[in-house]
Protein backbone atom coordinates (compact mmCIF):
# COMPACT_ATOMS: atom_id res chain seq x y z
CA UNK A 1 34.37 45.68 2.26
CA UNK A 2 37.18 46.77 4.56
CA UNK A 3 36.59 46.75 8.31
CA UNK A 4 36.77 50.30 9.70
CA UNK A 5 36.48 49.38 13.38
CA UNK A 6 39.64 49.57 15.46
CA UNK A 7 38.36 47.20 18.15
CA UNK A 8 36.80 43.77 17.62
CA UNK A 9 33.12 43.27 18.35
CA UNK A 10 31.71 40.22 20.07
CA UNK A 11 28.17 39.10 19.35
CA UNK A 12 26.21 38.94 22.60
CA UNK A 13 22.60 39.71 23.49
CA UNK A 14 22.34 41.57 26.80
CA UNK A 15 19.41 43.70 28.04
CA UNK A 16 20.29 47.39 28.49
CA UNK A 17 18.51 50.36 30.03
CA UNK A 18 18.86 53.64 28.14
CA UNK A 19 18.13 57.24 29.10
CA UNK A 20 18.49 60.05 26.58
CA UNK A 21 20.27 62.98 28.22
CA UNK A 22 20.76 65.34 25.28
CA UNK A 23 22.10 66.01 21.84
CA UNK A 24 25.73 65.66 20.87
CA UNK A 25 25.54 68.21 18.06
CA UNK A 26 26.06 71.94 18.29
CA UNK A 27 23.43 72.58 15.61
CA UNK A 28 19.87 73.55 16.41
CA UNK A 29 18.05 70.62 18.03
CA UNK A 30 15.75 68.53 15.89
CA UNK A 31 12.29 67.46 17.01
CA UNK A 32 13.66 63.92 17.49
CA UNK A 33 16.33 65.08 19.95
CA UNK A 34 14.06 67.40 21.91
CA UNK A 35 11.17 64.94 22.17
CA UNK A 36 13.49 62.23 23.46
CA UNK A 37 15.44 64.18 26.07
CA UNK A 38 14.80 62.47 29.38
CA UNK A 39 13.17 59.43 27.70
CA UNK A 40 13.95 56.03 29.10
CA UNK A 41 13.64 52.77 27.22
CA UNK A 42 15.05 49.26 27.12
CA UNK A 43 17.09 47.68 24.36
CA UNK A 44 19.30 44.66 23.70
CA UNK A 45 22.87 44.58 22.58
CA UNK A 46 23.59 42.71 19.37
CA UNK A 47 27.34 43.14 19.59
CA UNK A 48 29.73 44.90 21.98
CA UNK A 49 33.29 46.18 21.76
CA UNK A 50 35.59 48.23 23.98
CA UNK A 51 34.62 51.33 21.98
CA UNK A 52 30.94 50.83 21.21
CA UNK A 53 27.93 48.60 20.72
CA UNK A 54 25.06 47.83 18.42
CA UNK A 55 21.63 47.85 20.04
CA UNK A 56 18.12 46.97 18.88
CA UNK A 57 15.11 48.70 20.43
CA UNK A 58 11.62 49.97 19.68
CA UNK A 59 12.66 53.63 19.99
CA UNK A 60 13.67 55.78 17.02
CA UNK A 61 16.81 57.48 18.39
CA UNK A 62 18.29 60.51 16.63
CA UNK A 63 21.92 60.38 15.53
CA UNK A 64 24.23 62.26 17.93
CA UNK A 65 21.86 61.81 20.88
CA UNK A 66 23.73 61.32 24.16
CA UNK A 67 22.52 58.48 26.36
CA UNK A 68 23.27 56.98 29.75
CA UNK A 69 23.46 53.20 29.38
CA UNK A 70 23.36 50.58 32.11
CA UNK A 71 23.77 46.85 31.61
CA UNK A 72 25.01 43.77 33.40
CA UNK A 73 28.35 42.43 32.15
CA UNK A 74 27.90 39.36 29.94
CA UNK A 75 30.65 37.51 31.84
CA UNK A 76 29.59 37.78 35.47
CA UNK A 77 26.55 40.05 35.73
CA UNK A 78 28.36 43.01 37.32
CA UNK A 79 26.54 46.29 36.60
CA UNK A 80 28.23 48.52 34.03
CA UNK A 81 27.31 52.17 33.42
CA UNK A 82 28.51 54.34 30.58
CA UNK A 83 27.66 57.36 28.46
CA UNK A 84 27.37 56.83 24.71
CA UNK A 85 26.66 58.87 21.60
CA UNK A 86 24.45 57.52 18.83
CA UNK A 87 26.62 57.27 15.70
CA UNK A 88 23.72 56.16 13.49
CA UNK A 89 20.17 54.86 13.77
CA UNK A 90 17.85 53.17 11.27
CA UNK A 91 14.68 51.15 11.04
CA UNK A 92 15.16 47.36 10.94
CA UNK A 93 13.75 45.44 8.00
CA UNK A 94 12.57 42.74 10.43
CA UNK A 95 11.64 43.04 14.09
CA UNK A 96 14.13 40.64 15.65
CA UNK A 97 14.85 42.45 18.95
CA UNK A 98 13.17 45.76 18.11
CA UNK A 99 12.07 47.93 15.23
CA UNK A 100 15.26 50.06 15.22
CA UNK A 101 19.05 49.54 15.26
CA UNK A 102 21.54 52.06 16.62
CA UNK A 103 25.32 52.10 16.63
CA UNK A 104 26.67 53.62 19.84
CA UNK A 105 30.13 55.06 20.56
CA UNK A 106 31.23 54.90 24.20
CA UNK A 107 32.13 58.43 25.30
CA UNK A 108 32.53 58.07 29.07
CA UNK A 109 33.02 55.04 31.29
CA UNK A 110 34.46 54.59 34.78
CA UNK A 111 37.78 52.75 35.02
CA UNK A 112 36.22 49.85 36.95
CA UNK A 113 33.49 49.46 34.30
CA UNK A 114 36.06 49.65 31.48
CA UNK A 115 38.02 46.89 33.23
CA UNK A 116 34.90 44.69 33.34
CA UNK A 117 34.33 45.18 29.60
CA UNK A 118 38.03 44.64 28.86
CA UNK A 119 37.97 41.32 30.72
CA UNK A 120 35.05 40.26 28.55
CA UNK A 121 37.27 40.68 25.45
CA UNK A 122 40.27 38.75 26.78
CA UNK A 123 40.71 35.39 25.14
CA UNK A 124 40.87 32.43 27.58
């Protein structure tokens, strides 16, 4: 299988706080999107890249949902905030760090927070 990602991902487990702020689609909202708007939950990253991340959680998140994410940088604990869109979501076959997995695409991030993530991906 060919790798489609343009940026490398690094496996790292970091707690994240998530808040659903809306739907990223222009279609009529689904019950999943509407019932989650404003919801807050915790998750854990499984892997992180400059462009996105994989999280595990106990919340069934609709694809295209827009979320505010906050986490502490894996390198030095600095707080990082970003806005991400759910690319896909599915139920996990085993409950390792949560019942659901979701692939997130970073849509908005402050320059200082992007620099923190970029430093994480620099090789020593």
